[in-house]
Amino acid sequence: ARPTDPKGHASRFALALDSLPQQMLVAEQFVLKLSYAAAGETFTGSIP
């Protein structure tokens, strides 16, 4: 969370590079699929 985000909310999310396998880090291409659920709905995003 940024300092300006309300308590219990976040507008920034992070993942340590060290948590990913080497094969992922050297891949020429990838697709990242993201999801977030709220109020019974799931929102998804895709980043090739």
ModelCIF file with pLDDT and N, C-alpha, C, O atoms, coordinates in Angstrom:
data_MODEL
#
_entry.id   MODEL 
#
_entity.id                         1 
_entity.type                       polymer 
_entity.pdbx_number_of_molecules   1 
#
_entity_poly.entity_id                      1 
_entity_poly.type                           'polypeptide(L)' 
_entity_poly.nstd_linkage                   no 
_entity_poly.nstd_monomer                   no 
_entity_poly.pdbx_seq_one_letter_code       ARPTDPKGHASRFALALDSLPQQMLVAEQFVLKLSYAAAGETFTGSIP 
_entity_poly.pdbx_seq_one_letter_code_can   ARPTDPKGHASRFALALDSLPQQMLVAEQFVLKLSYAAAGETFTGSIP 
_entity_poly.pdbx_strand_id                 A 
#
loop_
_entity_poly_seq.entity_id 
_entity_poly_seq.num 
_entity_poly_seq.mon_id 
_entity_poly_seq.hetero 
1 1  ALA n 
1 2  ARG n 
1 3  PRO n 
1 4  THR n 
1 5  ASP n 
1 6  PRO n 
1 7  LYS n 
1 8  GLY n 
1 9  HIS n 
1 10 ALA n 
1 11 SER n 
1 12 ARG n 
1 13 PHE n 
1 14 ALA n 
1 15 LEU n 
1 16 ALA n 
1 17 LEU n 
1 18 ASP n 
1 19 SER n 
1 20 LEU n 
1 21 PRO n 
1 22 GLN n 
1 23 GLN n 
1 24 MET n 
1 25 LEU n 
1 26 VAL n 
1 27 ALA n 
1 28 GLU n 
1 29 GLN n 
1 30 PHE n 
1 31 VAL n 
1 32 LEU n 
1 33 LYS n 
1 34 LEU n 
1 35 SER n 
1 36 TYR n 
1 37 ALA n 
1 38 ALA n 
1 39 ALA n 
1 40 GLY n 
1 41 GLU n 
1 42 THR n 
1 43 PHE n 
1 44 THR n 
1 45 GLY n 
1 46 SER n 
1 47 ILE n 
1 48 PRO n 
#
_struct_asym.id          A 
_struct_asym.entity_id   1 
#
loop_
_ma_qa_metric.id 
_ma_qa_metric.mode 
_ma_qa_metric.name 
_ma_qa_metric.software_group_id 
_ma_qa_metric.type 
1 global pLDDT . pLDDT 
2 local  pLDDT . pLDDT 
#
_ma_qa_metric_global.metric_id      1 
_ma_qa_metric_global.metric_value   90.79 
_ma_qa_metric_global.model_id       1 
_ma_qa_metric_global.ordinal_id     1 
#
loop_
_ma_qa_metric_local.label_asym_id 
_ma_qa_metric_local.label_comp_id 
_ma_qa_metric_local.label_seq_id 
_ma_qa_metric_local.metric_id 
_ma_qa_metric_local.metric_value 
_ma_qa_metric_local.model_id 
_ma_qa_metric_local.ordinal_id 
A ALA 1  2 96.00 1 1  
A ARG 2  2 94.00 1 2  
A PRO 3  2 95.00 1 3  
A THR 4  2 94.00 1 4  
A ASP 5  2 96.00 1 5  
A PRO 6  2 96.00 1 6  
A LYS 7  2 95.00 1 7  
A GLY 8  2 93.00 1 8  
A HIS 9  2 96.00 1 9  
A ALA 10 2 97.00 1 10 
A SER 11 2 97.00 1 11 
A ARG 12 2 97.00 1 12 
A PHE 13 2 97.00 1 13 
A ALA 14 2 97.00 1 14 
A LEU 15 2 96.00 1 15 
A ALA 16 2 96.00 1 16 
A LEU 17 2 92.00 1 17 
A ASP 18 2 92.00 1 18 
A SER 19 2 91.00 1 19 
A LEU 20 2 88.00 1 20 
A PRO 21 2 86.00 1 21 
A GLN 22 2 83.00 1 22 
A GLN 23 2 81.00 1 23 
A MET 24 2 80.00 1 24 
A LEU 25 2 77.00 1 25 
A VAL 26 2 79.00 1 26 
A ALA 27 2 81.00 1 27 
A GLU 28 2 82.00 1 28 
A GLN 29 2 88.00 1 29 
A PHE 30 2 90.00 1 30 
A VAL 31 2 93.00 1 31 
A LEU 32 2 94.00 1 32 
A LYS 33 2 96.00 1 33 
A LEU 34 2 95.00 1 34 
A SER 35 2 94.00 1 35 
A TYR 36 2 90.00 1 36 
A ALA 37 2 89.00 1 37 
A ALA 38 2 85.00 1 38 
A ALA 39 2 83.00 1 39 
A GLY 40 2 87.00 1 40 
A GLU 41 2 88.00 1 41 
A THR 42 2 92.00 1 42 
A PHE 43 2 91.00 1 43 
A THR 44 2 94.00 1 44 
A GLY 45 2 93.00 1 45 
A SER 46 2 94.00 1 46 
A ILE 47 2 89.00 1 47 
A PRO 48 2 89.00 1 48 
#
loop_
_atom_site.group_PDB 
_atom_site.id 
_atom_site.type_symbol 
_atom_site.label_atom_id 
_atom_site.label_alt_id 
_atom_site.label_comp_id 
_atom_site.label_asym_id 
_atom_site.label_entity_id 
_atom_site.label_seq_id 
_atom_site.pdbx_PDB_ins_code 
_atom_site.Cartn_x 
_atom_site.Cartn_y 
_atom_site.Cartn_z 
_atom_site.occupancy 
_atom_site.B_iso_or_equiv 
_atom_site.pdbx_formal_charge 
_atom_site.auth_seq_id 
_atom_site.auth_comp_id 
_atom_site.auth_asym_id 
_atom_site.auth_atom_id 
_atom_site.pdbx_PDB_model_num 
ATOM 1   N N  . ALA A 1 1  ? 0.812   -1.216  0.000   1.00 96.00 ? 1  ALA A N  1 
ATOM 2   C CA . ALA A 1 1  ? 0.000   0.000   0.000   1.00 96.00 ? 1  ALA A CA 1 
ATOM 3   C C  . ALA A 1 1  ? 0.845   1.265   0.000   1.00 96.00 ? 1  ALA A C  1 
ATOM 4   O O  . ALA A 1 1  ? 1.871   1.352   0.675   1.00 96.00 ? 1  ALA A O  1 
ATOM 5   N N  . ARG A 1 2  ? 0.393   2.232   -0.766  1.00 94.00 ? 2  ARG A N  1 
ATOM 6   C CA . ARG A 1 2  ? 1.001   3.557   -0.738  1.00 94.00 ? 2  ARG A CA 1 
ATOM 7   C C  . ARG A 1 2  ? 0.545   4.239   0.552   1.00 94.00 ? 2  ARG A C  1 
ATOM 8   O O  . ARG A 1 2  ? -0.497  3.883   1.104   1.00 94.00 ? 2  ARG A O  1 
ATOM 9   N N  . PRO A 1 3  ? 1.312   5.211   1.035   1.00 95.00 ? 3  PRO A N  1 
ATOM 10  C CA . PRO A 1 3  ? 0.905   5.924   2.259   1.00 95.00 ? 3  PRO A CA 1 
ATOM 11  C C  . PRO A 1 3  ? -0.467  6.595   2.128   1.00 95.00 ? 3  PRO A C  1 
ATOM 12  O O  . PRO A 1 3  ? -1.145  6.806   3.134   1.00 95.00 ? 3  PRO A O  1 
ATOM 13  N N  . THR A 1 4  ? -0.878  6.927   0.918   1.00 94.00 ? 4  THR A N  1 
ATOM 14  C CA . THR A 1 4  ? -2.168  7.602   0.710   1.00 94.00 ? 4  THR A CA 1 
ATOM 15  C C  . THR A 1 4  ? -3.341  6.640   0.550   1.00 94.00 ? 4  THR A C  1 
ATOM 16  O O  . THR A 1 4  ? -4.491  7.079   0.504   1.00 94.00 ? 4  THR A O  1 
ATOM 17  N N  . ASP A 1 5  ? -3.073  5.328   0.464   1.00 96.00 ? 5  ASP A N  1 
ATOM 18  C CA . ASP A 1 5  ? -4.154  4.347   0.334   1.00 96.00 ? 5  ASP A CA 1 
ATOM 19  C C  . ASP A 1 5  ? -4.914  4.241   1.660   1.00 96.00 ? 5  ASP A C  1 
ATOM 20  O O  . ASP A 1 5  ? -4.308  4.282   2.731   1.00 96.00 ? 5  ASP A O  1 
ATOM 21  N N  . PRO A 1 6  ? -6.247  4.104   1.587   1.00 96.00 ? 6  PRO A N  1 
ATOM 22  C CA . PRO A 1 6  ? -7.024  3.917   2.824   1.00 96.00 ? 6  PRO A CA 1 
ATOM 23  C C  . PRO A 1 6  ? -6.596  2.636   3.540   1.00 96.00 ? 6  PRO A C  1 
ATOM 24  O O  . PRO A 1 6  ? -6.119  1.693   2.909   1.00 96.00 ? 6  PRO A O  1 
ATOM 25  N N  . LYS A 1 7  ? -6.772  2.611   4.861   1.00 95.00 ? 7  LYS A N  1 
ATOM 26  C CA . LYS A 1 7  ? -6.422  1.432   5.647   1.00 95.00 ? 7  LYS A CA 1 
ATOM 27  C C  . LYS A 1 7  ? -7.174  0.210   5.106   1.00 95.00 ? 7  LYS A C  1 
ATOM 28  O O  . LYS A 1 7  ? -8.375  0.281   4.846   1.00 95.00 ? 7  LYS A O  1 
ATOM 29  N N  . GLY A 1 8  ? -6.462  -0.907  4.939   1.00 93.00 ? 8  GLY A N  1 
ATOM 30  C CA . GLY A 1 8  ? -7.064  -2.132  4.433   1.00 93.00 ? 8  GLY A CA 1 
ATOM 31  C C  . GLY A 1 8  ? -7.201  -2.172  2.919   1.00 93.00 ? 8  GLY A C  1 
ATOM 32  O O  . GLY A 1 8  ? -7.787  -3.112  2.382   1.00 93.00 ? 8  GLY A O  1 
ATOM 33  N N  . HIS A 1 9  ? -6.679  -1.182  2.227   1.00 96.00 ? 9  HIS A N  1 
ATOM 34  C CA . HIS A 1 9  ? -6.728  -1.106  0.771   1.00 96.00 ? 9  HIS A CA 1 
ATOM 35  C C  . HIS A 1 9  ? -5.304  -0.949  0.233   1.00 96.00 ? 9  HIS A C  1 
ATOM 36  O O  . HIS A 1 9  ? -4.402  -0.518  0.952   1.00 96.00 ? 9  HIS A O  1 
ATOM 37  N N  . ALA A 1 10 ? -5.117  -1.301  -1.028  1.00 97.00 ? 10 ALA A N  1 
ATOM 38  C CA . ALA A 1 10 ? -3.816  -1.101  -1.672  1.00 97.00 ? 10 ALA A CA 1 
ATOM 39  C C  . ALA A 1 10 ? -4.017  -0.832  -3.160  1.00 97.00 ? 10 ALA A C  1 
ATOM 40  O O  . ALA A 1 10 ? -4.890  -1.419  -3.800  1.00 97.00 ? 10 ALA A O  1 
ATOM 41  N N  . SER A 1 11 ? -3.202  0.055   -3.692  1.00 97.00 ? 11 SER A N  1 
ATOM 42  C CA . SER A 1 11 ? -3.224  0.336   -5.127  1.00 97.00 ? 11 SER A CA 1 
ATOM 43  C C  . SER A 1 11 ? -1.910  -0.080  -5.779  1.00 97.00 ? 11 SER A C  1 
ATOM 44  O O  . SER A 1 11 ? -1.666  0.213   -6.949  1.00 97.00 ? 11 SER A O  1 
ATOM 45  N N  . ARG A 1 12 ? -1.058  -0.772  -5.002  1.00 97.00 ? 12 ARG A N  1 
ATOM 46  C CA . ARG A 1 12 ? 0.218   -1.270  -5.512  1.00 97.00 ? 12 ARG A CA 1 
ATOM 47  C C  . ARG A 1 12 ? 0.443   -2.657  -4.901  1.00 97.00 ? 12 ARG A C  1 
ATOM 48  O O  . ARG A 1 12 ? 0.211   -2.872  -3.711  1.00 97.00 ? 12 ARG A O  1 
ATOM 49  N N  . PHE A 1 13 ? 0.901   -3.591  -5.741  1.00 97.00 ? 13 PHE A N  1 
ATOM 50  C CA . PHE A 1 13 ? 1.115   -4.975  -5.321  1.00 97.00 ? 13 PHE A CA 1 
ATOM 51  C C  . PHE A 1 13 ? 2.462   -5.433  -5.866  1.00 97.00 ? 13 PHE A C  1 
ATOM 52  O O  . PHE A 1 13 ? 2.837   -5.050  -6.975  1.00 97.00 ? 13 PHE A O  1 
ATOM 53  N N  . ALA A 1 14 ? 3.203   -6.251  -5.101  1.00 97.00 ? 14 ALA A N  1 
ATOM 54  C CA . ALA A 1 14 ? 4.555   -6.625  -5.504  1.00 97.00 ? 14 ALA A CA 1 
ATOM 55  C C  . ALA A 1 14 ? 4.819   -8.121  -5.356  1.00 97.00 ? 14 ALA A C  1 
ATOM 56  O O  . ALA A 1 14 ? 4.195   -8.809  -4.548  1.00 97.00 ? 14 ALA A O  1 
ATOM 57  N N  . LEU A 1 15 ? 5.762   -8.599  -6.162  1.00 96.00 ? 15 LEU A N  1 
ATOM 58  C CA . LEU A 1 15 ? 6.216   -9.983  -6.155  1.00 96.00 ? 15 LEU A CA 1 
ATOM 59  C C  . LEU A 1 15 ? 7.735   -9.972  -6.280  1.00 96.00 ? 15 LEU A C  1 
ATOM 60  O O  . LEU A 1 15 ? 8.273   -9.386  -7.220  1.00 96.00 ? 15 LEU A O  1 
ATOM 61  N N  . ALA A 1 16 ? 8.436   -10.616 -5.338  1.00 96.00 ? 16 ALA A N  1 
ATOM 62  C CA . ALA A 1 16 ? 9.903   -10.674 -5.366  1.00 96.00 ? 16 ALA A CA 1 
ATOM 63  C C  . ALA A 1 16 ? 10.382  -11.503 -6.556  1.00 96.00 ? 16 ALA A C  1 
ATOM 64  O O  . ALA A 1 16 ? 9.870   -12.594 -6.808  1.00 96.00 ? 16 ALA A O  1 
ATOM 65  N N  . LEU A 1 17 ? 11.374  -10.973 -7.290  1.00 92.00 ? 17 LEU A N  1 
ATOM 66  C CA . LEU A 1 17 ? 11.941  -11.722 -8.420  1.00 92.00 ? 17 LEU A CA 1 
ATOM 67  C C  . LEU A 1 17 ? 12.535  -13.045 -7.973  1.00 92.00 ? 17 LEU A C  1 
ATOM 68  O O  . LEU A 1 17 ? 12.497  -14.025 -8.717  1.00 92.00 ? 17 LEU A O  1 
ATOM 69  N N  . ASP A 1 18 ? 13.087  -13.085 -6.754  1.00 92.00 ? 18 ASP A N  1 
ATOM 70  C CA . ASP A 1 18 ? 13.701  -14.311 -6.248  1.00 92.00 ? 18 ASP A CA 1 
ATOM 71  C C  . ASP A 1 18 ? 12.700  -15.441 -6.047  1.00 92.00 ? 18 ASP A C  1 
ATOM 72  O O  . ASP A 1 18 ? 13.100  -16.596 -5.898  1.00 92.00 ? 18 ASP A O  1 
ATOM 73  N N  . SER A 1 19 ? 11.401  -15.128 -6.041  1.00 91.00 ? 19 SER A N  1 
ATOM 74  C CA . SER A 1 19 ? 10.387  -16.167 -5.867  1.00 91.00 ? 19 SER A CA 1 
ATOM 75  C C  . SER A 1 19 ? 10.029  -16.854 -7.187  1.00 91.00 ? 19 SER A C  1 
ATOM 76  O O  . SER A 1 19 ? 9.268   -17.821 -7.196  1.00 91.00 ? 19 SER A O  1 
ATOM 77  N N  . LEU A 1 20 ? 10.568  -16.362 -8.290  1.00 88.00 ? 20 LEU A N  1 
ATOM 78  C CA . LEU A 1 20 ? 10.274  -16.937 -9.602  1.00 88.00 ? 20 LEU A CA 1 
ATOM 79  C C  . LEU A 1 20 ? 11.398  -17.867 -10.037 1.00 88.00 ? 20 LEU A C  1 
ATOM 80  O O  . LEU A 1 20 ? 12.562  -17.606 -9.735  1.00 88.00 ? 20 LEU A O  1 
ATOM 81  N N  . PRO A 1 21 ? 11.071  -18.947 -10.742 1.00 86.00 ? 21 PRO A N  1 
ATOM 82  C CA . PRO A 1 21 ? 12.122  -19.851 -11.216 1.00 86.00 ? 21 PRO A CA 1 
ATOM 83  C C  . PRO A 1 21 ? 12.936  -19.202 -12.338 1.00 86.00 ? 21 PRO A C  1 
ATOM 84  O O  . PRO A 1 21 ? 12.453  -18.328 -13.058 1.00 86.00 ? 21 PRO A O  1 
ATOM 85  N N  . GLN A 1 22 ? 14.167  -19.650 -12.461 1.00 83.00 ? 22 GLN A N  1 
ATOM 86  C CA . GLN A 1 22 ? 15.071  -19.106 -13.472 1.00 83.00 ? 22 GLN A CA 1 
ATOM 87  C C  . GLN A 1 22 ? 14.479  -19.227 -14.875 1.00 83.00 ? 22 GLN A C  1 
ATOM 88  O O  . GLN A 1 22 ? 14.656  -18.323 -15.692 1.00 83.00 ? 22 GLN A O  1 
ATOM 89  N N  . GLN A 1 23 ? 13.784  -20.322 -15.169 1.00 81.00 ? 23 GLN A N  1 
ATOM 90  C CA . GLN A 1 23 ? 13.211  -20.521 -16.499 1.00 81.00 ? 23 GLN A CA 1 
ATOM 91  C C  . GLN A 1 23 ? 12.236  -19.394 -16.843 1.00 81.00 ? 23 GLN A C  1 
ATOM 92  O O  . GLN A 1 23 ? 12.147  -18.981 -17.999 1.00 81.00 ? 23 GLN A O  1 
ATOM 93  N N  . MET A 1 24 ? 11.520  -18.907 -15.861 1.00 80.00 ? 24 MET A N  1 
ATOM 94  C CA . MET A 1 24 ? 10.589  -17.804 -16.082 1.00 80.00 ? 24 MET A CA 1 
ATOM 95  C C  . MET A 1 24 ? 11.364  -16.527 -16.389 1.00 80.00 ? 24 MET A C  1 
ATOM 96  O O  . MET A 1 24 ? 10.988  -15.756 -17.272 1.00 80.00 ? 24 MET A O  1 
ATOM 97  N N  . LEU A 1 25 ? 12.443  -16.316 -15.654 1.00 77.00 ? 25 LEU A N  1 
ATOM 98  C CA . LEU A 1 25 ? 13.207  -15.081 -15.801 1.00 77.00 ? 25 LEU A CA 1 
ATOM 99  C C  . LEU A 1 25 ? 13.906  -14.967 -17.154 1.00 77.00 ? 25 LEU A C  1 
ATOM 100 O O  . LEU A 1 25 ? 14.182  -13.857 -17.610 1.00 77.00 ? 25 LEU A O  1 
ATOM 101 N N  . VAL A 1 26 ? 14.194  -16.087 -17.799 1.00 79.00 ? 26 VAL A N  1 
ATOM 102 C CA . VAL A 1 26 ? 14.892  -16.040 -19.080 1.00 79.00 ? 26 VAL A CA 1 
ATOM 103 C C  . VAL A 1 26 ? 13.968  -16.328 -20.268 1.00 79.00 ? 26 VAL A C  1 
ATOM 104 O O  . VAL A 1 26 ? 14.423  -16.398 -21.410 1.00 79.00 ? 26 VAL A O  1 
ATOM 105 N N  . ALA A 1 27 ? 12.681  -16.491 -19.997 1.00 81.00 ? 27 ALA A N  1 
ATOM 106 C CA . ALA A 1 27 ? 11.732  -16.772 -21.080 1.00 81.00 ? 27 ALA A CA 1 
ATOM 107 C C  . ALA A 1 27 ? 11.664  -15.585 -22.042 1.00 81.00 ? 27 ALA A C  1 
ATOM 108 O O  . ALA A 1 27 ? 11.667  -14.431 -21.613 1.00 81.00 ? 27 ALA A O  1 
ATOM 109 N N  . GLU A 1 28 ? 11.604  -15.876 -23.351 1.00 82.00 ? 28 GLU A N  1 
ATOM 110 C CA . GLU A 1 28 ? 11.524  -14.816 -24.356 1.00 82.00 ? 28 GLU A CA 1 
ATOM 111 C C  . GLU A 1 28 ? 10.169  -14.126 -24.357 1.00 82.00 ? 28 GLU A C  1 
ATOM 112 O O  . GLU A 1 28 ? 10.061  -12.963 -24.745 1.00 82.00 ? 28 GLU A O  1 
ATOM 113 N N  . GLN A 1 29 ? 9.141   -14.836 -23.927 1.00 88.00 ? 29 GLN A N  1 
ATOM 114 C CA . GLN A 1 29 ? 7.814   -14.232 -23.851 1.00 88.00 ? 29 GLN A CA 1 
ATOM 115 C C  . GLN A 1 29 ? 7.026   -14.924 -22.753 1.00 88.00 ? 29 GLN A C  1 
ATOM 116 O O  . GLN A 1 29 ? 7.308   -16.067 -22.393 1.00 88.00 ? 29 GLN A O  1 
ATOM 117 N N  . PHE A 1 30 ? 6.039   -14.219 -22.227 1.00 90.00 ? 30 PHE A N  1 
ATOM 118 C CA . PHE A 1 30 ? 5.155   -14.789 -21.226 1.00 90.00 ? 30 PHE A CA 1 
ATOM 119 C C  . PHE A 1 30 ? 3.818   -14.067 -21.280 1.00 90.00 ? 30 PHE A C  1 
ATOM 120 O O  . PHE A 1 30 ? 3.689   -12.997 -21.875 1.00 90.00 ? 30 PHE A O  1 
ATOM 121 N N  . VAL A 1 31 ? 2.840   -14.674 -20.651 1.00 93.00 ? 31 VAL A N  1 
ATOM 122 C CA . VAL A 1 31 ? 1.536   -14.044 -20.449 1.00 93.00 ? 31 VAL A CA 1 
ATOM 123 C C  . VAL A 1 31 ? 1.299   -14.061 -18.947 1.00 93.00 ? 31 VAL A C  1 
ATOM 124 O O  . VAL A 1 31 ? 1.440   -15.099 -18.301 1.00 93.00 ? 31 VAL A O  1 
ATOM 125 N N  . LEU A 1 32 ? 0.942   -12.915 -18.397 1.00 94.00 ? 32 LEU A N  1 
ATOM 126 C CA . LEU A 1 32 ? 0.586   -12.825 -16.987 1.00 94.00 ? 32 LEU A CA 1 
ATOM 127 C C  . LEU A 1 32 ? -0.915  -12.613 -16.907 1.00 94.00 ? 32 LEU A C  1 
ATOM 128 O O  . LEU A 1 32 ? -1.445  -11.645 -17.453 1.00 94.00 ? 32 LEU A O  1 
ATOM 129 N N  . LYS A 1 33 ? -1.595  -13.518 -16.229 1.00 96.00 ? 33 LYS A N  1 
ATOM 130 C CA . LYS A 1 33 ? -3.033  -13.385 -15.984 1.00 96.00 ? 33 LYS A CA 1 
ATOM 131 C C  . LYS A 1 33 ? -3.195  -13.003 -14.520 1.00 96.00 ? 33 LYS A C  1 
ATOM 132 O O  . LYS A 1 33 ? -2.646  -13.660 -13.635 1.00 96.00 ? 33 LYS A O  1 
ATOM 133 N N  . LEU A 1 34 ? -3.958  -11.933 -14.267 1.00 95.00 ? 34 LEU A N  1 
ATOM 134 C CA . LEU A 1 34 ? -4.202  -11.442 -12.913 1.00 95.00 ? 34 LEU A CA 1 
ATOM 135 C C  . LEU A 1 34 ? -5.677  -11.568 -12.582 1.00 95.00 ? 34 LEU A C  1 
ATOM 136 O O  . LEU A 1 34 ? -6.524  -11.507 -13.473 1.00 95.00 ? 34 LEU A O  1 
ATOM 137 N N  . SER A 1 35 ? -5.989  -11.742 -11.302 1.00 94.00 ? 35 SER A N  1 
ATOM 138 C CA . SER A 1 35 ? -7.397  -11.753 -10.910 1.00 94.00 ? 35 SER A CA 1 
ATOM 139 C C  . SER A 1 35 ? -7.579  -11.125 -9.537  1.00 94.00 ? 35 SER A C  1 
ATOM 140 O O  . SER A 1 35 ? -6.688  -11.151 -8.687  1.00 94.00 ? 35 SER A O  1 
ATOM 141 N N  . TYR A 1 36 ? -8.761  -10.562 -9.354  1.00 90.00 ? 36 TYR A N  1 
ATOM 142 C CA . TYR A 1 36 ? -9.139  -9.891  -8.123  1.00 90.00 ? 36 TYR A CA 1 
ATOM 143 C C  . TYR A 1 36 ? -10.633 -10.121 -7.925  1.00 90.00 ? 36 TYR A C  1 
ATOM 144 O O  . TYR A 1 36 ? -11.420 -9.871  -8.838  1.00 90.00 ? 36 TYR A O  1 
ATOM 145 N N  . ALA A 1 37 ? -11.035 -10.594 -6.746  1.00 89.00 ? 37 ALA A N  1 
ATOM 146 C CA . ALA A 1 37 ? -12.446 -10.849 -6.464  1.00 89.00 ? 37 ALA A CA 1 
ATOM 147 C C  . ALA A 1 37 ? -12.969 -9.848  -5.449  1.00 89.00 ? 37 ALA A C  1 
ATOM 148 O O  . ALA A 1 37 ? -12.308 -9.559  -4.452  1.00 89.00 ? 37 ALA A O  1 
ATOM 149 N N  . ALA A 1 38 ? -14.162 -9.319  -5.707  1.00 85.00 ? 38 ALA A N  1 
ATOM 150 C CA . ALA A 1 38 ? -14.816 -8.382  -4.787  1.00 85.00 ? 38 ALA A CA 1 
ATOM 151 C C  . ALA A 1 38 ? -16.316 -8.467  -4.980  1.00 85.00 ? 38 ALA A C  1 
ATOM 152 O O  . ALA A 1 38 ? -16.801 -8.528  -6.109  1.00 85.00 ? 38 ALA A O  1 
ATOM 153 N N  . ALA A 1 39 ? -17.051 -8.470  -3.879  1.00 83.00 ? 39 ALA A N  1 
ATOM 154 C CA . ALA A 1 39 ? -18.514 -8.448  -3.898  1.00 83.00 ? 39 ALA A CA 1 
ATOM 155 C C  . ALA A 1 39 ? -19.094 -9.517  -4.829  1.00 83.00 ? 39 ALA A C  1 
ATOM 156 O O  . ALA A 1 39 ? -20.038 -9.256  -5.575  1.00 83.00 ? 39 ALA A O  1 
ATOM 157 N N  . GLY A 1 40 ? -18.524 -10.706 -4.775  1.00 87.00 ? 40 GLY A N  1 
ATOM 158 C CA . GLY A 1 40 ? -19.047 -11.804 -5.576  1.00 87.00 ? 40 GLY A CA 1 
ATOM 159 C C  . GLY A 1 40 ? -18.658 -11.784 -7.039  1.00 87.00 ? 40 GLY A C  1 
ATOM 160 O O  . GLY A 1 40 ? -19.072 -12.665 -7.792  1.00 87.00 ? 40 GLY A O  1 
ATOM 161 N N  . GLU A 1 41 ? -17.879 -10.812 -7.464  1.00 88.00 ? 41 GLU A N  1 
ATOM 162 C CA . GLU A 1 41 ? -17.419 -10.738 -8.857  1.00 88.00 ? 41 GLU A CA 1 
ATOM 163 C C  . GLU A 1 41 ? -15.911 -10.935 -8.912  1.00 88.00 ? 41 GLU A C  1 
ATOM 164 O O  . GLU A 1 41 ? -15.192 -10.524 -8.001  1.00 88.00 ? 41 GLU A O  1 
ATOM 165 N N  . THR A 1 42 ? -15.441 -11.557 -9.969  1.00 92.00 ? 42 THR A N  1 
ATOM 166 C CA . THR A 1 42 ? -14.006 -11.699 -10.186 1.00 92.00 ? 42 THR A CA 1 
ATOM 167 C C  . THR A 1 42 ? -13.634 -10.915 -11.428 1.00 92.00 ? 42 THR A C  1 
ATOM 168 O O  . THR A 1 42 ? -14.222 -11.091 -12.496 1.00 92.00 ? 42 THR A O  1 
ATOM 169 N N  . PHE A 1 43 ? -12.652 -10.052 -11.271 1.00 91.00 ? 43 PHE A N  1 
ATOM 170 C CA . PHE A 1 43 ? -12.142 -9.255  -12.387 1.00 91.00 ? 43 PHE A CA 1 
ATOM 171 C C  . PHE A 1 43 ? -10.790 -9.821  -12.783 1.00 91.00 ? 43 PHE A C  1 
ATOM 172 O O  . PHE A 1 43 ? -9.974  -10.170 -11.930 1.00 91.00 ? 43 PHE A O  1 
ATOM 173 N N  . THR A 1 44 ? -10.564 -9.907  -14.083 1.00 94.00 ? 44 THR A N  1 
ATOM 174 C CA . THR A 1 44 ? -9.314  -10.468 -14.568 1.00 94.00 ? 44 THR A CA 1 
ATOM 175 C C  . THR A 1 44 ? -8.610  -9.499  -15.498 1.00 94.00 ? 44 THR A C  1 
ATOM 176 O O  . THR A 1 44 ? -9.228  -8.620  -16.100 1.00 94.00 ? 44 THR A O  1 
ATOM 177 N N  . GLY A 1 45 ? -7.313  -9.680  -15.599 1.00 93.00 ? 45 GLY A N  1 
ATOM 178 C CA . GLY A 1 45 ? -6.499  -8.907  -16.525 1.00 93.00 ? 45 GLY A CA 1 
ATOM 179 C C  . GLY A 1 45 ? -5.488  -9.824  -17.169 1.00 93.00 ? 45 GLY A C  1 
ATOM 180 O O  . GLY A 1 45 ? -5.069  -10.814 -16.568 1.00 93.00 ? 45 GLY A O  1 
ATOM 181 N N  . SER A 1 46 ? -5.091  -9.504  -18.387 1.00 94.00 ? 46 SER A N  1 
ATOM 182 C CA . SER A 1 46 ? -4.132  -10.314 -19.116 1.00 94.00 ? 46 SER A CA 1 
ATOM 183 C C  . SER A 1 46 ? -3.069  -9.404  -19.722 1.00 94.00 ? 46 SER A C  1 
ATOM 184 O O  . SER A 1 46 ? -3.381  -8.383  -20.334 1.00 94.00 ? 46 SER A O  1 
ATOM 185 N N  . ILE A 1 47 ? -1.803  -9.793  -19.539 1.00 89.00 ? 47 ILE A N  1 
ATOM 186 C CA . ILE A 1 47 ? -0.686  -8.996  -20.055 1.00 89.00 ? 47 ILE A CA 1 
ATOM 187 C C  . ILE A 1 47 ? 0.267   -9.920  -20.809 1.00 89.00 ? 47 ILE A C  1 
ATOM 188 O O  . ILE A 1 47 ? 1.064   -10.619 -20.183 1.00 89.00 ? 47 ILE A O  1 
ATOM 189 N N  . PRO A 1 48 ? 0.202   -9.936  -22.146 1.00 89.00 ? 48 PRO A N  1 
ATOM 190 C CA . PRO A 1 48 ? 1.214   -10.680 -22.900 1.00 89.00 ? 48 PRO A CA 1 
ATOM 191 C C  . PRO A 1 48 ? 2.463   -9.813  -23.033 1.00 89.00 ? 48 PRO A C  1 
ATOM 192 O O  . PRO A 1 48 ? 3.449   -10.239 -23.635 1.00 89.00 ? 48 PRO A O  1 
#
